[in-house]
N, C-alpha and C. Protein backbone atom coordinates (compact mmCIF):
# COMPACT_ATOMS: atom_id res chain seq x y z
N MET A 1 48.98 -6.33 -11.26
CA MET A 1 48.44 -6.10 -12.36
C MET A 1 46.78 -6.89 -12.03
N LYS A 2 47.01 -7.97 -11.45
CA LYS A 2 45.84 -8.86 -10.86
C LYS A 2 44.80 -7.83 -10.00
N LYS A 3 45.45 -7.29 -9.23
CA LYS A 3 44.81 -6.39 -7.99
C LYS A 3 44.05 -5.33 -8.84
N LEU A 4 44.57 -4.47 -9.77
CA LEU A 4 44.02 -3.54 -10.51
C LEU A 4 42.89 -4.19 -11.26
N ILE A 5 42.87 -5.21 -12.05
CA ILE A 5 41.88 -5.82 -12.79
C ILE A 5 40.80 -6.13 -11.61
N LEU A 6 40.96 -6.59 -10.43
CA LEU A 6 40.04 -6.87 -9.31
C LEU A 6 39.18 -5.62 -9.21
N VAL A 7 40.21 -4.57 -8.88
CA VAL A 7 39.46 -3.20 -8.35
C VAL A 7 38.74 -2.81 -9.59
N LEU A 8 38.88 -2.86 -10.61
CA LEU A 8 38.26 -2.30 -11.86
C LEU A 8 36.99 -3.11 -11.80
N ILE A 9 36.87 -4.28 -11.63
CA ILE A 9 35.95 -5.07 -11.93
C ILE A 9 34.99 -4.99 -10.66
N ILE A 10 35.47 -4.67 -9.43
CA ILE A 10 34.67 -4.45 -8.41
C ILE A 10 33.88 -2.88 -8.57
N ALA A 11 34.93 -2.12 -9.09
CA ALA A 11 34.08 -0.66 -9.34
C ALA A 11 33.18 -1.00 -10.45
N GLY A 12 33.31 -1.47 -11.27
CA GLY A 12 32.38 -1.58 -12.57
C GLY A 12 30.98 -2.02 -11.79
N PHE A 13 31.05 -3.19 -10.94
CA PHE A 13 29.76 -3.84 -10.44
C PHE A 13 29.02 -2.70 -9.18
N SER A 14 30.00 -2.02 -9.04
CA SER A 14 29.29 -0.89 -8.00
C SER A 14 28.55 0.26 -8.70
N LEU A 15 29.32 0.61 -9.87
CA LEU A 15 28.56 1.56 -10.50
C LEU A 15 27.25 1.22 -11.43
N THR A 16 27.41 -0.04 -11.82
CA THR A 16 26.08 -0.75 -12.43
C THR A 16 25.13 -0.88 -11.59
N GLY A 17 25.43 -1.56 -10.48
CA GLY A 17 24.45 -1.59 -9.32
C GLY A 17 23.79 -0.73 -8.81
N ASN A 18 24.14 0.38 -8.68
CA ASN A 18 23.87 1.80 -8.26
C ASN A 18 23.58 2.55 -9.36
N SER A 19 23.56 2.80 -10.40
CA SER A 19 23.40 3.52 -11.66
C SER A 19 21.94 3.52 -11.73
N GLN A 20 21.05 2.84 -11.36
CA GLN A 20 19.38 2.89 -11.50
C GLN A 20 18.82 2.68 -10.33
N GLU A 21 18.34 3.36 -9.32
CA GLU A 21 17.60 2.86 -8.26
C GLU A 21 16.50 2.19 -8.45
N ASP A 22 16.11 1.05 -7.58
CA ASP A 22 15.07 0.63 -7.70
C ASP A 22 13.83 1.25 -7.44
N PRO A 23 12.52 1.47 -8.38
CA PRO A 23 11.60 2.47 -8.15
C PRO A 23 10.86 2.06 -6.78
N LYS A 24 10.40 2.92 -6.08
CA LYS A 24 9.78 3.01 -4.96
C LYS A 24 8.29 3.41 -5.03
N ILE A 25 7.44 3.08 -4.33
CA ILE A 25 6.08 3.45 -4.24
C ILE A 25 6.08 4.69 -3.78
N ASN A 26 5.52 5.63 -4.15
CA ASN A 26 5.34 7.35 -3.57
C ASN A 26 4.55 7.19 -2.55
N TRP A 27 4.68 6.84 -1.34
CA TRP A 27 3.99 7.01 -0.17
C TRP A 27 3.63 8.30 0.17
N MET A 28 2.54 8.58 0.72
CA MET A 28 2.17 10.06 1.14
C MET A 28 1.38 9.84 2.48
N THR A 29 0.85 10.93 3.09
CA THR A 29 0.06 10.76 4.33
C THR A 29 -1.42 10.81 3.79
N PHE A 30 -2.14 10.32 4.56
CA PHE A 30 -3.64 10.07 4.33
C PHE A 30 -4.12 11.72 3.89
N GLU A 31 -3.80 12.49 4.57
CA GLU A 31 -4.26 13.91 4.31
C GLU A 31 -3.92 14.41 3.14
N GLU A 32 -2.48 14.26 2.74
CA GLU A 32 -1.95 14.54 1.49
C GLU A 32 -2.36 13.87 0.06
N ALA A 33 -2.94 12.70 0.52
CA ALA A 33 -3.75 11.75 -0.56
C ALA A 33 -5.20 12.57 -0.86
N VAL A 34 -5.62 12.71 0.14
CA VAL A 34 -7.19 13.31 -0.15
C VAL A 34 -6.93 14.58 -0.63
N ALA A 35 -5.88 15.74 -0.47
CA ALA A 35 -5.67 16.68 -0.74
C ALA A 35 -5.55 16.80 -2.48
N ALA A 36 -4.55 15.70 -2.61
CA ALA A 36 -3.91 15.49 -3.98
C ALA A 36 -5.35 14.98 -4.86
N GLN A 37 -6.11 14.37 -4.34
CA GLN A 37 -7.45 13.87 -5.15
C GLN A 37 -8.29 15.07 -5.73
N LYS A 38 -8.32 16.18 -5.04
CA LYS A 38 -9.09 17.38 -5.10
C LYS A 38 -8.46 18.11 -6.65
N LYS A 39 -7.06 17.89 -6.67
CA LYS A 39 -6.29 18.43 -7.97
C LYS A 39 -6.36 17.54 -9.13
N ASN A 40 -6.13 16.29 -8.76
CA ASN A 40 -6.02 15.14 -9.68
C ASN A 40 -6.58 13.92 -9.35
N PRO A 41 -8.07 13.62 -9.69
CA PRO A 41 -9.02 12.79 -8.93
C PRO A 41 -8.16 11.50 -9.30
N LYS A 42 -7.88 10.47 -8.25
CA LYS A 42 -7.41 8.99 -8.46
C LYS A 42 -7.73 8.36 -7.31
N LYS A 43 -7.73 7.30 -7.04
CA LYS A 43 -8.28 6.17 -6.06
C LYS A 43 -7.13 6.16 -5.23
N ILE A 44 -7.12 5.98 -4.11
CA ILE A 44 -6.31 5.65 -2.87
C ILE A 44 -6.02 4.34 -2.51
N MET A 45 -4.81 3.83 -2.27
CA MET A 45 -4.76 2.52 -1.89
C MET A 45 -3.94 2.71 -0.48
N MET A 46 -4.54 2.28 0.70
CA MET A 46 -4.07 2.54 2.06
C MET A 46 -3.65 1.46 2.62
N ASP A 47 -2.36 1.32 2.74
CA ASP A 47 -1.79 0.15 4.01
C ASP A 47 -2.03 0.47 5.32
N MET A 48 -2.98 -0.29 5.99
CA MET A 48 -3.21 -0.08 7.18
C MET A 48 -2.18 -1.15 7.87
N PHE A 49 -1.23 -0.69 8.61
CA PHE A 49 -0.16 -1.61 9.33
C PHE A 49 -0.06 -1.17 10.76
N THR A 50 0.87 -1.96 11.49
CA THR A 50 1.18 -1.56 12.71
C THR A 50 2.50 -2.01 13.02
N VAL A 51 3.61 -1.64 13.88
CA VAL A 51 4.76 -1.77 13.91
C VAL A 51 5.10 -3.02 14.09
N TRP A 52 4.20 -3.76 14.92
CA TRP A 52 4.55 -4.91 15.42
C TRP A 52 4.35 -6.41 14.57
N CYS A 53 3.52 -5.82 13.49
CA CYS A 53 2.92 -7.04 12.53
C CYS A 53 4.11 -7.45 11.57
N GLY A 54 4.23 -8.63 11.85
CA GLY A 54 5.06 -9.65 10.81
C GLY A 54 4.81 -9.54 9.19
N PRO A 55 3.35 -9.78 9.23
CA PRO A 55 2.80 -9.85 7.65
C PRO A 55 2.86 -8.52 7.08
N CYS A 56 2.78 -7.37 7.74
CA CYS A 56 2.94 -5.84 7.71
C CYS A 56 4.35 -5.55 6.94
N ARG A 57 5.48 -6.25 7.61
CA ARG A 57 7.06 -6.12 7.26
C ARG A 57 6.96 -6.88 5.88
N MET A 58 6.40 -7.98 5.88
CA MET A 58 6.42 -8.72 4.49
C MET A 58 6.10 -8.07 3.30
N LEU A 59 4.66 -7.31 3.61
CA LEU A 59 4.23 -6.80 2.52
C LEU A 59 5.32 -5.69 1.96
N ASP A 60 5.95 -4.89 2.82
CA ASP A 60 6.90 -4.03 2.61
C ASP A 60 7.98 -4.55 2.19
N LYS A 61 8.61 -5.54 2.44
CA LYS A 61 9.71 -6.13 1.85
C LYS A 61 9.75 -6.99 0.52
N ASN A 62 8.64 -7.64 0.45
CA ASN A 62 8.26 -8.45 -0.73
C ASN A 62 7.36 -7.57 -1.64
N THR A 63 6.13 -7.76 -1.39
CA THR A 63 5.31 -6.98 -2.34
C THR A 63 5.32 -5.46 -2.71
N PHE A 64 5.67 -4.62 -1.82
CA PHE A 64 5.72 -3.25 -2.39
C PHE A 64 6.80 -2.86 -2.84
N GLN A 65 7.96 -4.20 -3.15
CA GLN A 65 9.04 -3.71 -3.92
C GLN A 65 8.85 -4.44 -5.25
N GLN A 66 8.01 -5.05 -5.33
CA GLN A 66 7.97 -5.62 -6.83
C GLN A 66 7.72 -4.59 -7.95
N LYS A 67 8.52 -4.41 -8.95
CA LYS A 67 8.59 -3.47 -9.83
C LYS A 67 7.24 -3.15 -10.78
N ASP A 68 6.69 -4.22 -11.14
CA ASP A 68 5.42 -3.84 -12.02
C ASP A 68 4.06 -3.28 -10.98
N LEU A 69 4.20 -3.95 -9.80
CA LEU A 69 3.32 -3.51 -8.92
C LEU A 69 3.60 -2.05 -8.52
N VAL A 70 4.79 -1.62 -8.04
CA VAL A 70 5.26 -0.34 -7.95
C VAL A 70 4.80 0.81 -8.90
N LYS A 71 5.13 0.13 -10.14
CA LYS A 71 4.77 1.14 -11.32
C LYS A 71 3.17 1.30 -11.49
N TYR A 72 2.64 0.18 -11.25
CA TYR A 72 0.99 0.11 -11.22
C TYR A 72 0.19 1.02 -10.17
N VAL A 73 0.87 1.05 -9.24
CA VAL A 73 0.50 2.00 -7.79
C VAL A 73 0.65 3.21 -8.10
N ASN A 74 1.84 3.77 -8.60
CA ASN A 74 2.39 4.86 -8.79
C ASN A 74 1.49 5.57 -9.87
N GLU A 75 1.05 4.95 -10.96
CA GLU A 75 0.15 5.29 -11.98
C GLU A 75 -1.13 5.52 -11.66
N ASN A 76 -1.76 4.92 -11.10
CA ASN A 76 -2.83 4.41 -10.94
C ASN A 76 -3.76 5.10 -9.32
N TYR A 77 -2.76 5.15 -8.58
CA TYR A 77 -3.34 5.53 -7.30
C TYR A 77 -2.51 6.52 -6.25
N TYR A 78 -3.15 7.11 -5.59
CA TYR A 78 -2.20 7.70 -4.30
C TYR A 78 -2.19 6.32 -3.11
N ALA A 79 -0.94 6.31 -2.94
CA ALA A 79 -0.27 5.60 -1.97
C ALA A 79 -0.38 5.99 -0.52
N VAL A 80 -0.75 5.50 0.33
CA VAL A 80 -0.86 5.87 2.07
C VAL A 80 -0.61 4.60 2.97
N LYS A 81 0.56 4.96 3.67
CA LYS A 81 0.67 4.05 4.67
C LYS A 81 0.29 4.61 6.05
N PHE A 82 -0.29 4.05 6.80
CA PHE A 82 -0.97 4.55 7.85
C PHE A 82 -0.86 3.62 9.20
N ASN A 83 -0.09 3.99 10.14
CA ASN A 83 0.10 3.18 11.31
C ASN A 83 -1.07 3.08 11.79
N ALA A 84 -1.85 2.12 11.93
CA ALA A 84 -3.24 1.86 12.56
C ALA A 84 -3.40 1.93 13.74
N GLU A 85 -2.05 2.13 14.81
CA GLU A 85 -2.06 2.27 16.11
C GLU A 85 -1.12 3.23 16.54
N GLY A 86 -0.81 4.26 15.54
CA GLY A 86 -0.16 5.19 15.86
C GLY A 86 -0.52 6.62 16.77
N ASP A 87 -0.25 7.64 16.82
CA ASP A 87 -0.55 8.51 17.57
C ASP A 87 -0.96 9.95 17.01
N GLY A 88 -1.11 10.09 15.52
CA GLY A 88 -0.99 11.22 15.05
C GLY A 88 -2.46 11.61 14.71
N GLU A 89 -2.58 12.93 14.79
CA GLU A 89 -4.07 13.36 14.23
C GLU A 89 -4.20 13.58 12.74
N VAL A 90 -5.36 13.13 12.50
CA VAL A 90 -5.79 13.15 11.22
C VAL A 90 -7.37 13.75 10.92
N SER A 91 -7.24 14.78 10.05
CA SER A 91 -8.60 15.59 9.63
C SER A 91 -9.05 14.92 8.40
N PHE A 92 -10.39 14.49 8.47
CA PHE A 92 -10.92 13.86 7.39
C PHE A 92 -12.40 14.17 7.38
N LYS A 93 -12.99 14.80 6.31
CA LYS A 93 -14.40 14.81 5.98
C LYS A 93 -14.80 15.62 7.13
N GLU A 94 -14.12 16.82 7.59
CA GLU A 94 -14.58 17.71 8.51
C GLU A 94 -14.67 16.88 9.93
N GLN A 95 -13.64 16.01 10.46
CA GLN A 95 -13.80 15.43 11.46
C GLN A 95 -12.21 15.09 11.98
N LYS A 96 -12.15 15.31 13.18
CA LYS A 96 -10.87 14.85 13.59
C LYS A 96 -10.53 13.49 14.42
N PHE A 97 -9.38 12.82 13.87
CA PHE A 97 -9.24 11.49 14.35
C PHE A 97 -7.92 11.51 14.98
N SER A 98 -8.02 10.64 15.84
CA SER A 98 -6.78 10.47 16.92
C SER A 98 -6.73 9.24 17.40
N ASN A 99 -5.64 8.96 18.25
CA ASN A 99 -5.64 7.72 19.12
C ASN A 99 -5.73 8.41 20.64
N PRO A 100 -6.76 8.39 21.12
CA PRO A 100 -6.54 9.00 22.48
C PRO A 100 -6.08 8.15 23.61
N ASN A 101 -6.25 7.05 23.58
CA ASN A 101 -5.66 5.74 24.20
C ASN A 101 -4.48 5.48 23.94
N TYR A 102 -3.76 6.16 23.23
CA TYR A 102 -2.10 5.94 22.78
C TYR A 102 -1.22 5.83 23.80
N ASN A 103 -0.56 4.81 24.17
CA ASN A 103 0.41 4.44 25.22
C ASN A 103 1.91 4.75 24.80
N PRO A 104 2.75 5.96 24.78
CA PRO A 104 4.01 5.86 24.39
C PRO A 104 4.96 5.00 24.78
N ALA A 105 4.71 4.51 25.83
CA ALA A 105 5.84 3.20 26.43
C ALA A 105 5.34 1.87 25.54
N LYS A 106 4.71 2.14 24.81
CA LYS A 106 3.88 0.88 23.82
C LYS A 106 4.10 1.19 22.28
N LYS A 107 4.96 1.91 21.97
CA LYS A 107 5.28 2.46 20.94
C LYS A 107 5.58 1.46 19.70
N ARG A 108 6.64 0.40 20.22
CA ARG A 108 7.20 -0.79 19.47
C ARG A 108 6.24 -1.97 19.74
N GLY A 109 5.33 -1.81 20.35
CA GLY A 109 4.32 -3.08 20.46
C GLY A 109 3.17 -2.71 20.21
N ARG A 110 2.18 -3.52 20.68
CA ARG A 110 0.67 -3.47 20.61
C ARG A 110 0.21 -1.99 21.22
N ASN A 111 -0.43 -1.46 20.61
CA ASN A 111 -1.26 -0.26 21.45
C ASN A 111 -2.56 -0.35 20.91
N SER A 112 -3.45 0.78 21.41
CA SER A 112 -4.83 1.04 20.82
C SER A 112 -4.88 1.25 19.48
N GLN A 113 -5.93 1.08 19.03
CA GLN A 113 -6.27 1.39 17.65
C GLN A 113 -6.66 2.87 17.48
N HIS A 114 -6.26 3.21 16.45
CA HIS A 114 -6.53 5.03 15.89
C HIS A 114 -7.80 4.72 15.52
N GLU A 115 -8.44 6.11 15.72
CA GLU A 115 -9.79 6.23 15.28
C GLU A 115 -10.06 5.94 13.93
N LEU A 116 -9.32 6.45 13.24
CA LEU A 116 -9.34 6.44 11.43
C LEU A 116 -9.42 5.10 11.25
N ALA A 117 -8.64 4.23 11.87
CA ALA A 117 -8.68 2.62 11.32
C ALA A 117 -9.79 2.34 11.73
N SER A 118 -10.42 2.42 13.14
CA SER A 118 -11.84 2.04 13.57
C SER A 118 -13.06 2.49 12.69
N ALA A 119 -12.77 3.91 12.01
CA ALA A 119 -14.04 4.57 11.36
C ALA A 119 -14.00 3.51 10.00
N PHE A 120 -12.96 3.23 9.59
CA PHE A 120 -13.07 1.93 8.22
C PHE A 120 -13.01 0.78 8.62
N GLY A 121 -13.55 0.57 9.75
CA GLY A 121 -13.67 -0.89 10.27
C GLY A 121 -12.68 -2.18 10.16
N VAL A 122 -11.35 -1.42 10.27
CA VAL A 122 -10.00 -2.32 10.18
C VAL A 122 -10.22 -2.98 11.55
N THR A 123 -10.24 -4.35 11.23
CA THR A 123 -9.95 -5.37 12.41
C THR A 123 -8.91 -6.17 12.39
N ALA A 124 -8.07 -6.30 11.46
CA ALA A 124 -6.88 -7.20 11.31
C ALA A 124 -5.80 -6.38 10.47
N TYR A 125 -4.61 -7.03 10.81
CA TYR A 125 -3.60 -6.12 10.18
C TYR A 125 -2.52 -7.28 9.51
N PRO A 126 -2.25 -6.88 8.13
CA PRO A 126 -2.30 -5.56 7.44
C PRO A 126 -3.79 -5.72 7.07
N THR A 127 -4.20 -4.60 6.40
CA THR A 127 -5.38 -4.57 5.99
C THR A 127 -5.24 -3.21 4.91
N ILE A 128 -5.43 -3.66 3.72
CA ILE A 128 -5.30 -2.87 2.52
C ILE A 128 -6.76 -2.42 2.13
N LEU A 129 -6.75 -0.96 2.27
CA LEU A 129 -8.14 -0.21 1.90
C LEU A 129 -8.11 0.46 0.81
N PHE A 130 -8.88 0.10 -0.15
CA PHE A 130 -9.08 0.83 -1.65
C PHE A 130 -10.37 1.75 -1.48
N LEU A 131 -9.89 3.22 -1.75
CA LEU A 131 -10.77 4.41 -1.50
C LEU A 131 -11.19 4.73 -3.08
N ASP A 132 -12.26 5.37 -3.24
CA ASP A 132 -12.55 5.84 -4.58
C ASP A 132 -11.91 7.07 -4.74
N GLU A 133 -12.45 8.10 -5.82
CA GLU A 133 -11.77 9.30 -6.12
C GLU A 133 -12.29 10.31 -4.93
N LYS A 134 -13.05 9.83 -4.10
CA LYS A 134 -13.80 10.95 -3.10
C LYS A 134 -13.49 10.44 -1.83
N ALA A 135 -12.51 9.62 -1.87
CA ALA A 135 -12.04 8.89 -0.37
C ALA A 135 -13.14 7.94 0.38
N SER A 136 -14.11 7.44 -0.36
CA SER A 136 -14.80 7.06 0.09
C SER A 136 -14.57 5.53 0.12
N LEU A 137 -15.00 4.40 0.93
CA LEU A 137 -14.36 3.30 1.02
C LEU A 137 -15.09 2.23 0.00
N LEU A 138 -14.09 1.59 -0.83
CA LEU A 138 -14.57 0.80 -1.78
C LEU A 138 -14.58 -0.61 -1.43
N ALA A 139 -13.44 -1.20 -0.66
CA ALA A 139 -13.10 -2.35 0.10
C ALA A 139 -11.65 -2.38 0.77
N PRO A 140 -12.09 -3.38 1.84
CA PRO A 140 -10.74 -3.41 2.59
C PRO A 140 -10.12 -5.14 2.13
N VAL A 141 -8.91 -5.25 1.97
CA VAL A 141 -8.28 -6.33 1.62
C VAL A 141 -7.53 -6.75 2.97
N LYS A 142 -8.01 -8.01 3.65
CA LYS A 142 -7.13 -8.15 4.78
C LYS A 142 -5.86 -9.28 4.46
N GLY A 143 -5.10 -9.18 5.35
CA GLY A 143 -3.77 -10.12 5.30
C GLY A 143 -2.76 -9.63 4.28
N TYR A 144 -1.79 -10.65 4.60
CA TYR A 144 -0.84 -10.26 3.30
C TYR A 144 -1.04 -11.16 2.12
N HIS A 145 -0.48 -10.31 0.87
CA HIS A 145 -0.96 -10.81 -0.52
C HIS A 145 0.56 -10.57 -1.15
N ASN A 146 0.93 -11.32 -1.83
CA ASN A 146 2.02 -11.03 -2.73
C ASN A 146 1.92 -10.40 -3.97
N ALA A 147 2.56 -9.80 -4.70
CA ALA A 147 2.40 -8.96 -6.00
C ALA A 147 1.33 -9.68 -6.75
N LYS A 148 1.45 -10.58 -7.24
CA LYS A 148 0.57 -11.23 -8.15
C LYS A 148 -1.02 -11.26 -7.45
N GLN A 149 -1.08 -11.68 -6.06
CA GLN A 149 -2.36 -11.74 -5.63
C GLN A 149 -3.06 -10.38 -5.45
N LEU A 150 -2.09 -9.16 -5.12
CA LEU A 150 -2.71 -8.18 -4.75
C LEU A 150 -2.98 -7.28 -6.25
N GLU A 151 -2.48 -7.69 -7.18
CA GLU A 151 -2.50 -7.43 -8.73
C GLU A 151 -3.97 -7.24 -9.14
N LEU A 152 -4.77 -8.60 -8.49
CA LEU A 152 -6.37 -8.69 -8.81
C LEU A 152 -6.96 -7.53 -8.32
N TYR A 153 -6.83 -7.13 -6.78
CA TYR A 153 -7.45 -6.07 -6.45
C TYR A 153 -7.00 -4.64 -6.90
N LEU A 154 -5.72 -4.45 -7.17
CA LEU A 154 -5.16 -3.14 -7.81
C LEU A 154 -6.14 -3.03 -9.12
N LYS A 155 -6.16 -3.90 -9.85
CA LYS A 155 -6.65 -3.87 -11.21
C LYS A 155 -8.29 -3.72 -11.00
N VAL A 156 -9.07 -4.45 -10.38
CA VAL A 156 -10.23 -4.60 -10.36
C VAL A 156 -10.97 -3.06 -9.85
N PHE A 157 -10.26 -2.51 -8.97
CA PHE A 157 -10.76 -1.19 -8.52
C PHE A 157 -9.86 0.09 -9.40
N GLY A 158 -8.48 -0.28 -9.88
CA GLY A 158 -8.03 0.65 -10.56
C GLY A 158 -8.60 0.92 -12.14
N SER A 159 -9.30 -0.11 -12.69
CA SER A 159 -9.83 -0.03 -13.93
C SER A 159 -11.25 -0.11 -14.00
N ASN A 160 -11.70 0.04 -12.73
CA ASN A 160 -13.34 0.34 -12.36
C ASN A 160 -14.16 -0.63 -12.75
N ALA A 161 -13.50 -1.91 -13.19
CA ALA A 161 -14.10 -3.29 -13.24
C ALA A 161 -14.86 -3.73 -12.11
N TYR A 162 -14.91 -3.17 -10.94
CA TYR A 162 -15.62 -3.32 -9.94
C TYR A 162 -17.31 -2.77 -10.04
N LYS A 163 -17.12 -1.74 -10.71
CA LYS A 163 -18.60 -1.32 -10.94
C LYS A 163 -19.63 -2.17 -11.72
N LYS A 164 -18.64 -3.28 -12.17
CA LYS A 164 -19.70 -4.11 -13.10
C LYS A 164 -19.90 -5.63 -12.33
N ILE A 165 -19.39 -5.80 -11.06
CA ILE A 165 -19.42 -6.76 -10.15
C ILE A 165 -20.36 -6.56 -9.32
N THR A 166 -21.73 -7.16 -9.34
CA THR A 166 -22.65 -7.12 -8.66
C THR A 166 -22.92 -7.97 -7.46
N SER A 167 -22.17 -9.13 -7.62
CA SER A 167 -22.57 -10.27 -6.82
C SER A 167 -21.09 -11.12 -6.44
N LYS A 168 -21.23 -11.98 -5.87
CA LYS A 168 -20.07 -13.21 -5.43
C LYS A 168 -19.78 -13.87 -6.52
N GLU A 169 -20.63 -14.12 -7.23
CA GLU A 169 -20.66 -14.94 -8.29
C GLU A 169 -19.82 -14.33 -9.65
N ASP A 170 -20.12 -12.91 -9.68
CA ASP A 170 -19.32 -12.00 -10.52
C ASP A 170 -17.74 -11.91 -10.06
N PHE A 171 -17.85 -11.84 -8.90
CA PHE A 171 -16.30 -11.62 -8.61
C PHE A 171 -15.76 -12.73 -8.87
N ILE A 172 -16.09 -13.93 -8.43
CA ILE A 172 -15.59 -15.40 -9.11
C ILE A 172 -15.35 -15.29 -10.37
N ALA A 173 -16.14 -14.91 -11.07
CA ALA A 173 -16.09 -15.28 -12.57
C ALA A 173 -14.79 -14.29 -12.98
N TYR A 174 -14.60 -13.10 -12.39
CA TYR A 174 -13.73 -12.11 -12.73
C TYR A 174 -12.10 -12.70 -12.22
N GLN A 175 -12.47 -13.27 -11.09
CA GLN A 175 -10.97 -13.93 -10.67
C GLN A 175 -10.60 -14.89 -11.48
N LYS A 176 -11.64 -15.91 -12.04
CA LYS A 176 -11.17 -16.93 -13.00
C LYS A 176 -10.51 -16.32 -14.28
N GLU A 177 -11.24 -15.31 -15.05
CA GLU A 177 -10.68 -14.71 -16.05
C GLU A 177 -9.43 -13.80 -16.22
N PHE A 178 -8.98 -13.29 -14.75
CA PHE A 178 -8.02 -12.58 -14.72
C PHE A 178 -6.60 -13.04 -15.23
N LYS A 179 -5.99 -12.41 -15.92
CA LYS A 179 -4.69 -12.61 -16.15
C LYS A 179 -3.68 -11.49 -15.68
N SER A 180 -2.72 -12.13 -15.05
CA SER A 180 -1.70 -11.43 -14.36
C SER A 180 -0.56 -10.88 -15.37
N ASP A 181 -0.36 -9.74 -15.15
CA ASP A 181 0.36 -9.14 -16.09
C ASP A 181 1.82 -8.61 -15.28
N PHE A 182 1.73 -8.93 -13.94
CA PHE A 182 3.16 -8.66 -13.47
C PHE A 182 3.97 -10.03 -13.42
N LYS A 183 5.41 -9.74 -13.42
CA LYS A 183 6.37 -10.60 -13.57
C LYS A 183 6.93 -11.18 -12.22
N ASP A 184 7.07 -12.40 -11.89
CA ASP A 184 7.31 -12.83 -10.56
C ASP A 184 9.03 -12.19 -10.17
């Protein structure tokens, strides 16, 4: 009888634990996001990462799993994950971008930078790029940020508040007045 109760308890935990999967960011390729913008204009949040970057993995494990952040990104942005040292070819604004110096033997370590990352001026990893509805660069945000730290940038661009910020002082004032809605 005790074994039967134990089995039922374990089964109950298994069912409730899997009954509703945690929400995930709807990642897409850069080309898919640019094409989607033509049908339904939204900004792009682009995670420029590398396979060897520890803080990039922390973004995936911690920041990009936070439920409020996931919901906000999925509602307000096209989310792109882009390996800034990968070997794929990308067509963008009538140009082709690739990584001509890519070395397949180094696919798990440091490699040469992809031309698209260079075109956006990426110099560190991770860098999250915010692009407007026409895929023009609004701003790069370098380094690891937890969900509450990244929320500031998601909302300043997502709400178009950045259009009223014309100086460093304006941004500092925005930061001071900003109230986080994301839960820990």
